[in-house]
């Protein structure tokens, strides 16, 4: 709406400002939605509030959006069922029995590989990798801060690079809600452009191979004696039932089903053409197939009753409810921003003030600052994608590059933030002091961030 001019920027900016100030992503997103309807219809406070509520509810009227929200709840049920049925403990014991680790470098490579293989959910990644590797790190006198860095750097980045999980579904839902044509293709195209995720994983591998310890990490490693901190009982951490026999197959088979069901579902919904399949339908089918697989296995093993399973599903879905709410609010904010013409107005500003080629790096850095301040990469995605996608559309630019800049910035800021849940869980899983983990990890994150920023400048000049 041209008559609103700069006022079209207020809804997303208010959402960003309140998120940074209060760290309450839900309230910040809803405030942006309310302001958007106020500017659109020029009605009073209560009328705009009612319109904002209707706008949020309207998100669920879209079948694709509703499927992604449902997937978020199903994957929560799947994750907690894996935790409670002995899958995590069984997988840990399987790795310990392999006796592949004979020195400190191999202990670090094991932590890295577990982080690569387990891409279902970032917190499960750090929990399993930390529990498996912590005794080995102590045995070979490798700093636990190094372990925390390795598992933190192969959790969210890997979840973004292999998006067969809630991360992928969340961003797929955002892209679909923002009117992106072929959102699955755009999300897949953004993966090789997701420079921070690639840089973080690659830098971790380089760190292990070259024993690279910049800044505080060198000091911590020098004084490490090992075995000073108490270990974490994985059964207690996950709430696993004590009478259930740990089985690695309970982890391996459902995850395999999840991986294989995704492309198969895309092939079915696309009538034999994977890239024309429905992403929202496919992730829902895949998650339901994986949940069904692990549930049937548990029932056949007599590990849990059907009543216990159903309660477990509801608890897991409840854990994911905050993320589902963020998704719905983000989609509603994107819809009202699109109606106001925010993207077109920003595109006009960009043409006058910021060189087009520098826009990806600017989006990357802004996303990084927001994620660092809020401690939530998902909250950052929900705020920045509704801005970046309309701008890309108005400029006729490749949306995958803009999506990659937002996702990279969100992971960068979240990786560096002391209030990020993944950072906190990584400290817990490695058995180290949280502040020490943050202090020793930031030099690595800044190096990967600098490489990513330079890369986005190069990509901006090559692709825009």
Protein backbone atom coordinates (compact mmCIF):
# COMPACT_ATOMS: atom_id res chain seq x y z
CA UNK A 1 0.00 0.00 0.00
CA UNK A 2 1.88 3.03 -1.30
CA UNK A 3 -0.04 5.50 0.88
CA UNK A 4 1.49 3.96 3.97
CA UNK A 5 5.09 4.46 2.72
CA UNK A 6 7.52 3.90 5.58
CA UNK A 7 4.72 2.81 7.91
CA UNK A 8 4.72 -0.55 6.11
CA UNK A 9 8.00 -1.26 7.90
CA UNK A 10 6.51 -0.88 11.37
CA UNK A 11 4.94 -4.36 11.86
CA UNK A 12 8.16 -6.37 11.27
CA UNK A 13 10.31 -3.73 12.95
CA UNK A 14 8.08 -3.70 16.02
CA UNK A 15 8.32 -7.50 16.10
CA UNK A 16 12.11 -7.31 15.87
CA UNK A 17 12.41 -4.52 18.45
CA UNK A 18 10.16 -6.17 21.01
CA UNK A 19 11.87 -9.53 20.50
CA UNK A 20 15.24 -7.93 21.19
CA UNK A 21 13.95 -5.91 24.14
CA UNK A 22 11.78 -8.49 25.89
CA UNK A 23 13.08 -11.79 24.42
CA UNK A 24 9.43 -12.79 24.19
CA UNK A 25 9.07 -13.91 20.58
CA UNK A 26 5.35 -14.76 20.91
CA UNK A 27 4.33 -11.34 22.18
CA UNK A 28 6.62 -9.61 19.71
CA UNK A 29 5.15 -11.43 16.72
CA UNK A 30 1.57 -10.84 17.83
CA UNK A 31 2.27 -7.14 18.43
CA UNK A 32 3.54 -6.89 14.86
CA UNK A 33 0.38 -8.62 13.57
CA UNK A 34 -1.90 -6.32 15.56
CA UNK A 35 -0.09 -3.20 14.35
CA UNK A 36 -0.28 -4.46 10.78
CA UNK A 37 -4.08 -4.77 10.92
CA UNK A 38 -4.32 -1.38 12.63
CA UNK A 39 -2.38 0.24 9.77
CA UNK A 40 -4.30 -1.69 7.14
CA UNK A 41 -7.84 -0.89 8.24
CA UNK A 42 -7.39 2.23 10.42
CA UNK A 43 -9.80 0.80 12.98
CA UNK A 44 -9.66 1.24 16.73
CA UNK A 45 -7.59 -0.74 19.20
CA UNK A 46 -10.15 -3.43 19.99
CA UNK A 47 -11.31 -3.81 16.39
CA UNK A 48 -7.72 -4.26 15.22
CA UNK A 49 -7.07 -6.70 18.03
CA UNK A 50 -10.04 -8.81 16.93
CA UNK A 51 -8.82 -8.67 13.32
CA UNK A 52 -5.36 -9.77 14.44
CA UNK A 53 -6.83 -12.77 16.24
CA UNK A 54 -8.84 -13.66 13.13
CA UNK A 55 -5.66 -13.29 11.05
CA UNK A 56 -3.83 -15.78 13.27
CA UNK A 57 -6.71 -18.25 13.10
CA UNK A 58 -6.89 -17.85 9.33
CA UNK A 59 -3.44 -19.44 9.06
CA UNK A 60 -4.91 -22.79 10.05
CA UNK A 61 -7.53 -22.49 7.29
CA UNK A 62 -4.71 -23.13 4.81
CA UNK A 63 -4.31 -26.94 4.51
CA UNK A 64 -0.56 -26.72 3.88
CA UNK A 65 0.03 -24.54 6.94
CA UNK A 66 -2.17 -26.79 9.08
CA UNK A 67 -0.22 -29.88 7.95
CA UNK A 68 3.11 -28.30 8.92
CA UNK A 69 1.76 -27.34 12.35
CA UNK A 70 0.51 -30.90 12.80
CA UNK A 71 3.91 -32.24 11.73
CA UNK A 72 5.58 -30.13 14.42
CA UNK A 73 3.41 -31.81 17.06
CA UNK A 74 3.93 -35.31 15.59
CA UNK A 75 7.72 -34.94 15.52
CA UNK A 76 7.57 -33.91 19.19
CA UNK A 77 5.70 -37.15 19.96
CA UNK A 78 8.27 -39.09 17.92
CA UNK A 79 11.27 -37.57 19.71
CA UNK A 80 9.98 -38.24 23.22
CA UNK A 81 8.95 -41.79 22.28
CA UNK A 82 12.54 -42.43 21.16
CA UNK A 83 13.75 -41.05 24.47
CA UNK A 84 11.43 -43.17 26.60
CA UNK A 85 11.75 -46.52 24.80
CA UNK A 86 15.46 -47.15 25.31
CA UNK A 87 16.44 -46.03 21.80
CA UNK A 88 18.93 -43.39 22.93
CA UNK A 89 20.59 -45.58 25.58
CA UNK A 90 20.70 -48.52 23.20
CA UNK A 91 22.40 -46.44 20.53
CA UNK A 92 24.91 -45.14 23.08
CA UNK A 93 25.79 -48.65 24.22
CA UNK A 94 26.12 -49.81 20.62
CA UNK A 95 28.72 -47.12 19.95
CA UNK A 96 30.58 -47.89 23.17
CA UNK A 97 30.77 -51.60 22.36
CA UNK A 98 32.26 -50.93 18.92
CA UNK A 99 35.60 -49.97 20.58
CA UNK A 100 36.54 -47.89 17.57
CA UNK A 101 37.94 -45.10 19.74
CA UNK A 102 41.56 -45.66 20.77
CA UNK A 103 42.89 -42.09 21.17
CA UNK A 104 41.81 -38.50 21.76
CA UNK A 105 41.46 -37.59 18.09
CA UNK A 106 39.19 -40.56 17.44
CA UNK A 107 37.09 -39.57 20.45
CA UNK A 108 36.58 -36.16 18.86
CA UNK A 109 35.77 -37.70 15.47
CA UNK A 110 33.16 -39.93 17.13
CA UNK A 111 31.44 -36.90 18.64
CA UNK A 112 31.52 -35.19 15.23
CA UNK A 113 30.15 -38.22 13.39
CA UNK A 114 27.32 -38.78 15.87
CA UNK A 115 26.36 -35.14 15.34
CA UNK A 116 26.27 -35.70 11.58
CA UNK A 117 24.30 -38.96 11.73
CA UNK A 118 21.62 -37.92 14.23
CA UNK A 119 19.87 -35.01 12.54
CA UNK A 120 16.34 -35.54 13.89
CA UNK A 121 16.49 -32.78 16.46
CA UNK A 122 19.33 -30.59 17.71
CA UNK A 123 18.92 -31.34 21.41
CA UNK A 124 18.84 -35.13 20.82
CA UNK A 125 22.04 -34.72 18.79
CA UNK A 126 23.93 -33.01 21.61
CA UNK A 127 22.50 -35.36 24.24
CA UNK A 128 23.58 -38.54 22.44
CA UNK A 129 26.94 -37.19 21.23
CA UNK A 130 27.78 -35.75 24.64
CA UNK A 131 26.84 -38.88 26.56
CA UNK A 132 28.78 -41.17 24.23
CA UNK A 133 31.90 -39.05 24.06
CA UNK A 134 32.27 -37.52 27.51
CA UNK A 135 33.93 -40.55 29.18
CA UNK A 136 36.28 -40.87 26.22
CA UNK A 137 37.24 -37.20 26.36
CA UNK A 138 38.02 -37.59 30.07
CA UNK A 139 40.06 -40.74 29.43
CA UNK A 140 42.23 -39.07 26.79
CA UNK A 141 42.40 -35.72 28.61
CA UNK A 142 40.53 -33.67 26.02
CA UNK A 143 38.79 -30.59 27.42
CA UNK A 144 35.06 -30.98 27.90
CA UNK A 145 34.71 -27.48 26.49
CA UNK A 146 36.05 -28.92 23.25
CA UNK A 147 33.35 -31.58 23.38
CA UNK A 148 30.67 -28.95 23.98
CA UNK A 149 31.92 -27.00 20.97
CA UNK A 150 31.93 -30.06 18.70
CA UNK A 151 28.43 -31.23 19.58
CA UNK A 152 27.01 -27.70 19.47
CA UNK A 153 28.53 -27.14 16.02
CA UNK A 154 27.07 -30.36 14.60
CA UNK A 155 23.55 -29.96 15.94
CA UNK A 156 21.63 -27.00 14.49
CA UNK A 157 23.96 -26.65 11.45
CA UNK A 158 23.44 -30.30 10.48
CA UNK A 159 19.69 -30.06 11.11
CA UNK A 160 19.65 -27.22 8.56
CA UNK A 161 21.79 -29.06 6.01
CA UNK A 162 19.70 -32.26 6.27
CA UNK A 163 16.23 -30.76 6.79
CA UNK A 164 14.29 -34.03 7.23
CA UNK A 165 13.17 -32.81 10.63
CA UNK A 166 11.20 -30.11 12.42
CA UNK A 167 13.71 -27.49 11.23
CA UNK A 168 12.95 -28.26 7.61
CA UNK A 169 9.21 -28.41 8.17
CA UNK A 170 9.20 -25.12 10.07
CA UNK A 171 10.99 -23.24 7.30
CA UNK A 172 9.00 -25.03 4.62
CA UNK A 173 5.83 -23.85 6.30
CA UNK A 174 7.12 -20.29 6.44
CA UNK A 175 8.07 -20.30 2.76
CA UNK A 176 4.74 -21.80 1.72
CA UNK A 177 2.84 -19.28 3.82
CA UNK A 178 4.80 -16.43 2.23
CA UNK A 179 3.60 -17.47 -1.20
CA UNK A 180 6.90 -18.90 -2.46
CA UNK A 181 6.40 -20.99 -5.59
CA UNK A 182 7.75 -24.52 -5.12
CA UNK A 183 8.89 -23.91 -1.52
CA UNK A 184 10.54 -27.33 -1.24
CA UNK A 185 12.71 -26.64 -4.27
CA UNK A 186 13.68 -23.23 -2.86
CA UNK A 187 14.55 -24.73 0.54
CA UNK A 188 16.67 -27.46 -1.08
CA UNK A 189 18.36 -24.87 -3.32
CA UNK A 190 19.27 -22.82 -0.23
CA UNK A 191 21.19 -25.72 1.36
CA UNK A 192 24.45 -25.32 -0.63
CA UNK A 193 24.16 -21.55 -0.08
CA UNK A 194 23.75 -21.92 3.70
CA UNK A 195 27.31 -20.77 4.27
CA UNK A 196 27.37 -20.60 8.06
CA UNK A 197 26.03 -24.12 8.54
CA UNK A 198 28.64 -25.44 6.07
CA UNK A 199 31.43 -23.34 7.59
CA UNK A 200 30.58 -24.41 11.16
CA UNK A 201 30.63 -28.13 10.32
CA UNK A 202 33.79 -27.79 8.20
CA UNK A 203 35.60 -25.72 10.83
CA UNK A 204 34.79 -28.34 13.45
CA UNK A 205 36.33 -31.04 11.24
CA UNK A 206 39.41 -28.84 10.68
CA UNK A 207 39.65 -28.21 14.44
CA UNK A 208 39.73 -31.95 15.13
CA UNK A 209 42.18 -32.84 12.35
CA UNK A 210 44.62 -30.00 13.17
CA UNK A 211 44.02 -29.75 16.94
CA UNK A 212 43.06 -26.12 16.38
CA UNK A 213 42.47 -24.32 19.70
CA UNK A 214 42.10 -20.55 19.26
CA UNK A 215 41.82 -18.10 22.15
CA UNK A 216 40.42 -19.42 25.44
CA UNK A 217 40.20 -22.99 24.15
CA UNK A 218 44.00 -23.30 24.17
CA UNK A 219 44.07 -22.16 27.80
CA UNK A 220 41.31 -24.57 28.83
CA UNK A 221 42.91 -27.50 27.01
CA UNK A 222 46.29 -26.78 28.61
CA UNK A 223 44.91 -27.11 32.13
CA UNK A 224 42.55 -29.99 31.46
CA UNK A 225 43.04 -32.97 33.75
CA UNK A 226 39.85 -34.88 32.80
CA UNK A 227 37.30 -36.68 34.90
CA UNK A 228 36.66 -33.81 37.28
CA UNK A 229 32.96 -33.44 36.60
CA UNK A 230 30.25 -35.92 37.36
CA UNK A 231 28.72 -37.68 34.37
CA UNK A 232 25.12 -37.36 33.32
CA UNK A 233 22.85 -40.37 33.48
CA UNK A 234 21.20 -40.48 30.09
CA UNK A 235 18.22 -42.43 31.42
CA UNK A 236 17.53 -39.69 33.96
CA UNK A 237 18.07 -36.98 31.35
CA UNK A 238 15.58 -38.47 28.91
CA UNK A 239 13.01 -39.81 31.37
CA UNK A 240 13.55 -43.31 30.02
CA UNK A 241 11.57 -46.08 31.75
CA UNK A 242 13.91 -48.11 33.97
CA UNK A 243 12.35 -51.48 33.03
CA UNK A 244 12.83 -51.02 29.27
CA UNK A 245 15.77 -52.83 27.73
CA UNK A 246 17.97 -50.41 25.72
CA UNK A 247 17.97 -51.33 22.03
CA UNK A 248 19.89 -49.58 19.27
CA UNK A 249 17.39 -50.86 16.71
CA UNK A 250 14.73 -48.70 18.35
CA UNK A 251 16.72 -45.68 17.19
CA UNK A 252 18.06 -46.95 13.87
CA UNK A 253 14.92 -48.40 12.27
CA UNK A 254 12.51 -45.48 12.94
CA UNK A 255 15.12 -42.97 11.78
CA UNK A 256 15.65 -45.02 8.61
CA UNK A 257 11.89 -45.04 8.03
CA UNK A 258 11.79 -41.26 8.53
CA UNK A 259 14.56 -40.74 5.97
CA UNK A 260 13.14 -43.07 3.34
CA UNK A 261 9.51 -42.04 3.78
CA UNK A 262 10.24 -38.40 2.89
CA UNK A 263 11.33 -38.85 -0.76
CA UNK A 264 8.81 -41.67 -1.23
CA UNK A 265 6.01 -39.37 -0.08
CA UNK A 266 7.24 -36.62 -2.38
CA UNK A 267 7.22 -39.11 -5.26
CA UNK A 268 3.63 -40.15 -4.48
CA UNK A 269 2.26 -36.62 -4.00
CA UNK A 270 4.10 -35.43 -7.10
CA UNK A 271 2.72 -38.21 -9.31
CA UNK A 272 6.16 -39.63 -9.87
CA UNK A 273 7.99 -36.28 -9.85
CA UNK A 274 9.74 -35.67 -6.52
CA UNK A 275 10.22 -31.91 -6.91
CA UNK A 276 6.55 -31.43 -7.71
CA UNK A 277 5.43 -33.25 -4.58
CA UNK A 278 3.80 -31.59 -1.57
CA UNK A 279 6.46 -30.84 1.03
CA UNK A 280 3.96 -30.27 3.85
CA UNK A 281 2.15 -33.52 3.10
CA UNK A 282 5.38 -35.48 2.77
CA UNK A 283 6.95 -34.38 6.04
CA UNK A 284 3.69 -35.18 7.83
CA UNK A 285 3.48 -38.63 6.27
CA UNK A 286 7.14 -39.34 7.01
CA UNK A 287 6.87 -38.31 10.65
CA UNK A 288 3.69 -40.35 11.12
CA UNK A 289 5.38 -43.38 9.54
CA UNK A 290 8.38 -43.02 11.88
CA UNK A 291 6.16 -42.55 14.95
CA UNK A 292 4.07 -45.58 13.98
CA UNK A 293 7.22 -47.68 13.50
CA UNK A 294 8.74 -46.94 16.89
CA UNK A 295 5.35 -47.28 18.63
CA UNK A 296 4.67 -50.72 17.11
CA UNK A 297 8.18 -51.83 18.05
CA UNK A 298 7.68 -50.74 21.65
CA UNK A 299 4.33 -52.51 21.88
CA UNK A 300 5.74 -55.72 20.42
CA UNK A 301 8.67 -55.55 22.85
CA UNK A 302 6.18 -55.01 25.70
CA UNK A 303 8.19 -52.03 26.81
CA UNK A 304 5.20 -49.72 27.17
CA UNK A 305 1.45 -50.18 27.17
CA UNK A 306 -0.78 -48.40 24.67
CA UNK A 307 -1.99 -46.14 27.47
CA UNK A 308 1.60 -45.20 28.37
CA UNK A 309 2.37 -44.60 24.71
CA UNK A 310 -0.59 -42.29 24.20
CA UNK A 311 0.38 -40.24 27.24
CA UNK A 312 3.94 -40.09 25.92
CA UNK A 313 2.71 -38.81 22.54
CA UNK A 314 0.69 -36.05 24.19
CA UNK A 315 3.64 -35.01 26.33
CA UNK A 316 5.91 -34.85 23.30
CA UNK A 317 3.37 -32.86 21.30
CA UNK A 318 3.08 -30.49 24.24
CA UNK A 319 6.82 -29.88 24.20
CA UNK A 320 6.58 -28.72 20.59
CA UNK A 321 3.53 -26.52 21.12
CA UNK A 322 5.61 -23.34 21.65
CA UNK A 323 7.29 -23.89 18.28
CA UNK A 324 3.93 -24.52 16.62
CA UNK A 325 2.64 -21.24 18.06
CA UNK A 326 5.69 -19.38 16.75
CA UNK A 327 5.07 -20.87 13.32
CA UNK A 328 1.41 -19.81 13.24
CA UNK A 329 2.23 -16.27 14.41
CA UNK A 330 5.06 -15.97 11.90
CA UNK A 331 2.79 -17.01 9.04
CA UNK A 332 0.20 -14.46 10.14
CA UNK A 333 2.83 -11.70 10.34
CA UNK A 334 4.07 -12.63 6.87
CA UNK A 335 0.53 -12.46 5.49
CA UNK A 336 -0.20 -8.99 6.86
CA UNK A 337 3.24 -7.69 5.82
CA UNK A 338 2.60 -8.96 2.30
CA UNK A 339 -0.80 -7.21 2.23
CA UNK A 340 0.77 -3.95 3.38
CA UNK A 341 3.44 -4.17 0.68
CA UNK A 342 6.41 -4.17 3.08
CA UNK A 343 8.63 -6.10 0.67
CA UNK A 344 8.00 -3.73 -2.21
CA UNK A 345 8.76 -0.71 -0.06
CA UNK A 346 12.00 -2.22 1.28
CA UNK A 347 12.98 -3.14 -2.27
CA UNK A 348 12.60 0.49 -3.25
CA UNK A 349 14.77 1.59 -0.35
CA UNK A 350 17.39 -0.98 -1.25
CA UNK A 351 17.57 0.30 -4.78
CA UNK A 352 18.29 3.80 -3.48
CA UNK A 353 20.58 3.13 -0.49
CA UNK A 354 22.08 -0.38 -0.40
CA UNK A 355 23.80 -1.97 -3.39
CA UNK A 356 21.79 -4.99 -4.42
CA UNK A 357 24.83 -7.27 -4.23
CA UNK A 358 25.36 -6.39 -0.55
CA UNK A 359 21.80 -7.20 0.49
CA UNK A 360 22.47 -10.91 1.30
CA UNK A 361 25.30 -10.07 3.70
CA UNK A 362 23.19 -7.34 5.34
CA UNK A 363 20.35 -9.85 5.86
CA UNK A 364 22.86 -12.37 7.24
CA UNK A 365 24.29 -9.91 9.77
CA UNK A 366 20.90 -8.55 10.89
CA UNK A 367 19.61 -12.10 11.38
CA UNK A 368 22.73 -12.92 13.38
CA UNK A 369 22.24 -9.96 15.73
CA UNK A 370 18.58 -10.85 16.32
CA UNK A 371 19.34 -14.52 16.99
CA UNK A 372 22.18 -13.65 19.37
CA UNK A 373 19.96 -11.26 21.31
CA UNK A 374 16.88 -13.48 21.42
CA UNK A 375 18.65 -16.86 21.69
CA UNK A 376 16.27 -18.40 19.16
CA UNK A 377 17.12 -19.23 15.56
CA UNK A 378 13.50 -20.25 14.89
CA UNK A 379 12.24 -16.93 16.20
CA UNK A 380 14.73 -15.18 13.94
CA UNK A 381 13.57 -17.17 10.91
CA UNK A 382 9.98 -16.24 11.70
CA UNK A 383 10.83 -12.54 11.82
CA UNK A 384 13.31 -12.24 8.96
CA UNK A 385 11.89 -14.55 6.27
CA UNK A 386 8.65 -12.52 5.98
CA UNK A 387 10.91 -9.53 5.24
CA UNK A 388 13.50 -11.19 3.02
CA UNK A 389 11.15 -13.17 0.74
CA UNK A 390 8.96 -10.24 -0.36
CA UNK A 391 12.10 -8.17 -0.97
CA UNK A 392 13.55 -10.91 -3.17
CA UNK A 393 10.25 -11.18 -5.03
CA UNK A 394 9.99 -7.43 -5.58
CA UNK A 395 13.57 -7.30 -6.88
CA UNK A 396 13.10 -10.33 -9.09
CA UNK A 397 16.03 -11.96 -7.28
CA UNK A 398 16.76 -15.61 -6.54
CA UNK A 399 14.83 -16.40 -3.30
CA UNK A 400 17.13 -19.29 -2.33
CA UNK A 401 20.02 -16.89 -1.68
CA UNK A 402 17.88 -14.69 0.57
CA UNK A 403 16.54 -17.73 2.42
CA UNK A 404 20.10 -19.01 2.92
CA UNK A 405 21.21 -15.61 4.28
CA UNK A 406 18.40 -15.62 6.87
CA UNK A 407 18.97 -19.24 7.90
CA UNK A 408 22.75 -18.77 8.11
CA UNK A 409 22.39 -15.62 10.18
CA UNK A 410 19.90 -17.26 12.52
CA UNK A 411 22.21 -20.21 13.18
CA UNK A 412 25.25 -17.91 13.55
CA UNK A 413 23.60 -15.76 16.21
CA UNK A 414 22.04 -18.73 17.99
CA UNK A 415 25.39 -20.56 17.99
CA UNK A 416 27.04 -17.61 19.73
CA UNK A 417 24.24 -16.74 22.14
CA UNK A 418 24.56 -17.63 25.84
CA UNK A 419 20.77 -17.82 26.15
CA UNK A 420 20.26 -20.29 23.29
CA UNK A 421 18.64 -23.55 24.40
CA UNK A 422 21.03 -25.60 22.24
CA UNK A 423 24.03 -23.84 23.76
CA UNK A 424 22.74 -24.56 27.24
CA UNK A 425 21.95 -28.23 26.50
CA UNK A 426 25.40 -28.64 24.90
CA UNK A 427 27.03 -27.45 28.13
CA UNK A 428 24.88 -29.86 30.12
CA UNK A 429 25.54 -32.84 27.84
CA UNK A 430 29.30 -32.23 27.85
CA UNK A 431 29.37 -31.74 31.62
CA UNK A 432 31.04 -28.34 31.50
CA UNK A 433 30.35 -24.89 32.88
CA UNK A 434 27.96 -23.02 30.60
CA UNK A 435 29.87 -19.73 30.56
CA UNK A 436 33.10 -21.59 29.80
CA UNK A 437 31.40 -23.23 26.83
CA UNK A 438 30.19 -19.87 25.52
CA UNK A 439 33.58 -18.23 26.09
CA UNK A 440 35.52 -20.95 24.29
CA UNK A 441 33.03 -21.35 21.43
CA UNK A 442 32.65 -17.71 20.37
CA UNK A 443 36.10 -17.50 18.68
CA UNK A 444 35.14 -20.42 16.45
CA UNK A 445 31.71 -18.94 15.70
CA UNK A 446 33.20 -15.57 14.80
CA UNK A 447 35.65 -17.20 12.39
CA UNK A 448 32.91 -19.17 10.68
CA UNK A 449 30.74 -16.04 10.67
CA UNK A 450 33.47 -13.95 9.02
CA UNK A 451 33.95 -16.57 6.31
CA UNK A 452 30.19 -16.68 5.76
CA UNK A 453 29.87 -12.89 5.55
CA UNK A 454 32.61 -12.75 2.92
CA UNK A 455 30.95 -15.60 1.06
CA UNK A 456 27.60 -13.81 0.96
CA UNK A 457 29.29 -10.73 -0.46
CA UNK A 458 30.79 -12.87 -3.22
CA UNK A 459 27.49 -14.67 -3.86
CA UNK A 460 25.68 -11.33 -3.94
CA UNK A 461 27.89 -10.09 -6.76
CA UNK A 462 27.72 -13.40 -8.62
CA UNK A 463 23.97 -14.07 -8.33
CA UNK A 464 22.30 -10.64 -8.13
